[in-house]
Amino acid sequence: MTNVEYETKVLIREIRKSNEYNQYQRLKKKLAGNPDLMREVNDYRRQCFYLQSRDAEDNDNALLTQLREDNSEMLCNAAVHEFLLSEQKLCRMMQKVVSSVVEAAGLDLDFL
């Protein structure tokens, strides 16, 4: 095993010990207790991901706003709201990790 592989395993272990990861897992498990609600949340997450990951278009904000309005009842559910916030915190932490690695490695991602 190379040093990079070893340190990657260390990083993964530390991520799994983080408050962000553990809160996300706890809230995900709580939602999983209600399969219908979890399916609805996952559908919402899938649609948000699609809208946010495609090339920017003029109507993307309008589509995201409409998606939120269409799912407003579900989004008012405290368990759903708490889960989505914890997911956002975990994703931001992971983005910082990836950005730090990319920057430290000097990778040129300007073409993206």
Protein backbone atom coordinates (compact mmCIF):
# COMPACT_ATOMS: atom_id res chain seq x y z
CA MET A 1 0.00 0.00 0.00
CA THR A 2 1.34 3.38 -0.95
CA ASN A 3 1.53 6.28 1.45
CA VAL A 4 -1.22 8.07 -0.49
CA GLU A 5 -3.52 5.06 -0.13
CA TYR A 6 -2.77 4.84 3.58
CA GLU A 7 -3.40 8.55 4.14
CA THR A 8 -6.63 8.31 2.14
CA LYS A 9 -7.83 5.64 4.56
CA VAL A 10 -6.85 7.91 7.46
CA LEU A 11 -8.82 10.77 5.89
CA ILE A 12 -11.86 8.53 5.42
CA ARG A 13 -11.64 7.44 9.04
CA GLU A 14 -11.51 11.08 10.16
CA ILE A 15 -14.46 12.03 7.96
CA ARG A 16 -16.48 9.21 9.51
CA LYS A 17 -15.62 10.55 12.97
CA SER A 18 -16.74 14.09 12.11
CA ASN A 19 -19.87 15.64 13.60
CA GLU A 20 -21.14 16.45 10.09
CA TYR A 21 -20.92 12.84 8.93
CA ASN A 22 -22.40 11.36 12.08
CA GLN A 23 -25.29 13.81 12.20
CA TYR A 24 -26.04 13.10 8.53
CA GLN A 25 -26.02 9.34 9.13
CA ARG A 26 -28.23 9.65 12.23
CA LEU A 27 -30.80 11.79 10.43
CA LYS A 28 -30.71 9.60 7.32
CA LYS A 29 -31.45 6.56 9.47
CA LYS A 30 -34.31 8.44 11.12
CA LEU A 31 -35.84 9.26 7.72
CA ALA A 32 -35.31 5.71 6.50
CA GLY A 33 -37.84 4.66 9.15
CA ASN A 34 -40.48 6.20 6.90
CA PRO A 35 -39.85 4.67 3.44
CA ASP A 36 -42.51 6.76 1.67
CA LEU A 37 -41.08 10.01 3.01
CA MET A 38 -37.53 8.85 2.22
CA ARG A 39 -38.57 8.13 -1.38
CA GLU A 40 -40.09 11.61 -1.64
CA VAL A 41 -36.95 13.21 -0.16
CA ASN A 42 -34.71 11.24 -2.51
CA ASP A 43 -36.79 12.29 -5.50
CA TYR A 44 -36.44 15.92 -4.42
CA ARG A 45 -32.68 15.50 -3.88
CA ARG A 46 -32.32 13.88 -7.32
CA GLN A 47 -34.16 16.74 -9.03
CA CYS A 48 -32.13 19.37 -7.14
CA PHE A 49 -28.90 17.63 -8.05
CA TYR A 50 -29.89 17.50 -11.71
CA LEU A 51 -30.79 21.19 -11.81
CA GLN A 52 -27.66 22.26 -9.96
CA SER A 53 -25.21 20.07 -11.88
CA ARG A 54 -26.18 20.85 -15.44
CA ASP A 55 -24.79 23.76 -17.40
CA ALA A 56 -26.14 27.07 -16.15
CA GLU A 57 -29.26 28.21 -17.89
CA ASP A 58 -31.32 31.33 -17.43
CA ASN A 59 -34.27 29.50 -15.93
CA ASP A 60 -32.38 27.32 -13.42
CA ASN A 61 -33.21 29.57 -10.46
CA ALA A 62 -36.84 29.64 -11.49
CA LEU A 63 -36.87 25.86 -11.79
CA LEU A 64 -35.27 25.45 -8.34
CA THR A 65 -37.79 27.89 -6.86
CA GLN A 66 -40.62 25.97 -8.49
CA LEU A 67 -39.23 22.67 -7.21
CA ARG A 68 -39.12 24.08 -3.67
CA GLU A 69 -42.68 25.37 -3.99
CA ASP A 70 -43.89 22.02 -5.35
CA ASN A 71 -42.31 20.28 -2.35
CA SER A 72 -43.04 22.92 0.27
CA GLU A 73 -45.15 20.62 2.45
CA MET A 74 -42.41 18.00 2.60
CA LEU A 75 -39.74 20.66 3.17
CA CYS A 76 -41.68 21.97 6.18
CA ASN A 77 -41.34 18.59 7.86
CA ALA A 78 -38.79 19.13 10.66
CA ALA A 79 -37.04 15.78 10.08
CA VAL A 80 -36.68 16.47 6.35
CA HIS A 81 -35.47 20.01 6.91
CA GLU A 82 -32.92 18.88 9.48
CA PHE A 83 -31.69 16.06 7.21
CA LEU A 84 -31.25 18.32 4.20
CA LEU A 85 -29.34 20.88 6.28
CA SER A 86 -27.05 18.18 7.63
CA GLU A 87 -26.48 16.87 4.10
CA GLN A 88 -25.58 20.38 2.97
CA LYS A 89 -23.06 20.75 5.82
CA LEU A 90 -21.47 17.40 4.98
CA CYS A 91 -21.29 18.30 1.29
CA ARG A 92 -19.64 21.64 2.07
CA MET A 93 -17.07 19.90 4.25
CA MET A 94 -16.35 17.41 1.47
CA GLN A 95 -16.09 20.23 -1.10
CA LYS A 96 -13.47 21.94 1.07
CA VAL A 97 -11.49 18.70 1.33
CA VAL A 98 -11.58 18.09 -2.42
CA SER A 99 -10.76 21.73 -3.21
CA SER A 100 -7.81 21.62 -0.84
CA VAL A 101 -6.44 18.46 -2.45
CA VAL A 102 -6.95 19.82 -5.98
CA GLU A 103 -5.29 23.11 -5.09
CA ALA A 104 -2.37 21.47 -3.25
CA ALA A 105 -1.79 19.12 -6.19
CA GLY A 106 -1.78 22.07 -8.57
CA LEU A 107 -4.37 20.54 -10.85
CA ASP A 108 -5.61 22.82 -13.59
CA LEU A 109 -9.39 22.59 -13.74
CA ASP A 110 -9.95 25.83 -15.59
CA PHE A 111 -11.31 23.88 -18.55
CA LEU A 112 -14.38 23.00 -16.49
